[in-house]
Protein backbone atom coordinates (compact mmCIF):
# COMPACT_ATOMS: atom_id res chain seq x y z
CA MET A 1 -89.24 77.25 -0.87
CA SER A 2 -90.55 73.88 -1.94
CA GLU A 3 -87.21 72.08 -1.69
CA SER A 4 -87.17 69.33 0.89
CA PRO A 5 -84.37 69.33 3.48
CA GLU A 6 -83.49 65.75 2.47
CA ARG A 7 -82.80 66.79 -1.13
CA ALA A 8 -80.74 69.80 0.00
CA ASP A 9 -78.70 67.62 2.36
CA HIS A 10 -78.08 65.07 -0.40
CA LEU A 11 -76.84 67.81 -2.72
CA ALA A 12 -74.61 69.21 0.00
CA VAL A 13 -73.11 65.78 0.69
CA ASP A 14 -72.53 65.08 -3.02
CA LEU A 15 -70.99 68.50 -3.57
CA THR A 16 -68.71 68.11 -0.54
CA LEU A 17 -67.60 64.64 -1.65
CA TYR A 18 -66.89 65.92 -5.17
CA LEU A 19 -64.87 68.85 -3.86
CA LEU A 20 -62.84 66.66 -1.50
CA ALA A 21 -62.25 64.09 -4.25
CA ARG A 22 -60.94 66.81 -6.57
CA PHE A 23 -58.57 68.10 -3.86
CA ALA A 24 -57.42 64.54 -3.09
CA LEU A 25 -56.69 63.93 -6.77
CA ILE A 26 -54.61 67.11 -6.99
CA ALA A 27 -52.79 66.16 -3.78
CA LEU A 28 -52.13 62.65 -5.11
CA ILE A 29 -50.62 63.97 -8.34
CA ALA A 30 -48.58 66.62 -6.52
CA GLY A 31 -47.41 64.03 -3.96
CA ALA A 32 -46.26 61.68 -6.70
CA LEU A 33 -44.29 64.51 -8.28
CA LEU A 34 -42.77 65.45 -4.92
CA ILE A 35 -41.54 61.88 -4.49
CA ALA A 36 -39.87 62.28 -7.90
CA ASP A 37 -37.96 65.32 -6.51
CA VAL A 38 -40.00 67.96 -8.34
CA PRO A 39 -40.14 71.32 -6.49
CA LEU A 40 -43.29 71.90 -4.42
CA LEU A 41 -44.70 74.84 -6.37
CA VAL A 42 -44.18 73.12 -9.71
CA ALA A 43 -45.76 69.92 -8.35
CA ILE A 44 -48.85 71.84 -7.18
CA VAL A 45 -49.25 73.67 -10.51
CA VAL A 46 -48.83 70.46 -12.50
CA GLY A 47 -51.25 68.74 -10.10
CA LEU A 48 -53.85 71.42 -10.80
CA VAL A 49 -53.38 71.36 -14.56
CA VAL A 50 -53.36 67.57 -14.84
CA GLY A 51 -55.97 67.06 -12.11
CA LEU A 52 -58.70 69.03 -13.88
CA PRO A 53 -59.15 66.83 -16.95
CA VAL A 54 -58.33 63.62 -15.06
CA GLY A 55 -60.93 64.54 -12.44
CA LEU A 56 -63.57 64.99 -15.13
CA LEU A 57 -62.92 61.45 -16.34
CA VAL A 58 -62.37 59.69 -13.03
CA LEU A 59 -65.11 61.44 -11.05
CA ARG A 60 -67.78 61.35 -13.78
CA PRO A 61 -70.47 59.52 -11.72
CA LEU A 62 -70.10 61.90 -8.79
CA ASN A 63 -70.09 64.87 -11.16
CA ALA A 64 -73.33 63.61 -12.71
CA ARG A 65 -74.99 63.38 -9.27
CA VAL A 66 -73.92 66.92 -8.39
CA THR A 67 -75.11 68.24 -11.75
CA ALA A 68 -78.48 66.49 -11.39
CA GLY A 69 -78.90 67.88 -7.87
CA LEU A 70 -78.11 71.40 -9.02
CA ALA A 71 -80.54 71.08 -11.94
CA LYS A 72 -83.34 70.00 -9.59
CA ARG A 73 -82.62 72.88 -7.25
CA ASN A 74 -82.50 75.40 -10.11
CA LYS A 75 -85.76 74.09 -11.56
CA GLY A 76 -87.55 74.75 -8.27
CA ARG A 77 -85.97 78.16 -7.95
CA ALA A 78 -86.97 79.09 -11.51
CA ALA A 79 -90.58 78.13 -10.81
CA GLU A 80 -90.57 80.19 -7.61
CA ARG A 81 -89.03 83.15 -9.46
CA ALA A 82 -91.69 82.93 -12.20
CA ARG A 83 -94.40 82.81 -9.55
CA LEU A 84 -93.01 85.89 -7.81
CA ARG A 85 -92.69 87.80 -11.10
CA ALA A 86 -96.28 86.98 -11.99
CA GLN A 87 -97.36 88.14 -8.55
CA LEU A 88 -95.46 91.42 -9.01
CA ARG A 89 -97.20 91.96 -12.36
CA GLY A 90 -100.53 91.57 -10.57
CA GLU A 91 -101.52 88.32 -12.25
CA SER A 92 -103.40 85.70 -10.31
CA VAL A 93 -101.07 83.05 -8.99
CA ASP A 94 -102.23 79.46 -8.52
CA THR A 95 -100.42 77.90 -5.58
CA PRO A 96 -100.26 74.11 -5.36
C-alpha cells in the first residue's frame, strides 16, 4: 500500500493513547465512587455510562487526531480498492 510506516505508527500511537485515556477516565470515575462507598459493580457501570460523554468532551483533541488519521488511512485504502476494481474490470490502470 502507499501508506508510509511513519503515518501508520502515528495513528497507532494516537489510537493507543486515546484508548488508555478512556480507560483511565472510567477508572477515575469508578475510583471516586468506590471511595464514596459505592459497590464495585455499580461504580464500574456508572463509570462507563458517565465516562462515555465526559470522554467525548475532555478528550476532543485526541479524538480529532485519531479521526483524522483514520480518514487518511481510509482515503488511501479507497483509492487502492478503486484501482483494483478497475484492474479486475480490465480497464487500464495508471499507477503513480
